[in-house]
């Protein structure tokens, strides 16, 4: 899911099926490192805030609530 974010961050929160809702397990990774490790994700990183993708299901979707967060900023 991509959320509105400060200019120095992309806003992407990328997780796997192993994510257990423990935010302390998340870490910041630069986009160039993500795409070096997972080049197939590069095409999704240009999606605007409010969009999400799921490579396991080969799907993308839009979340209006997340998109509205950009308007609140």
Foldseek 3Di string as FASTA:
>chain_A
DAADDPPVDLRDDDDDPPDDPPVVPDDDDDPVVVCVVPVVCVVVSPDDFQKDADVVVRDIDGHVVRVCVVVVD
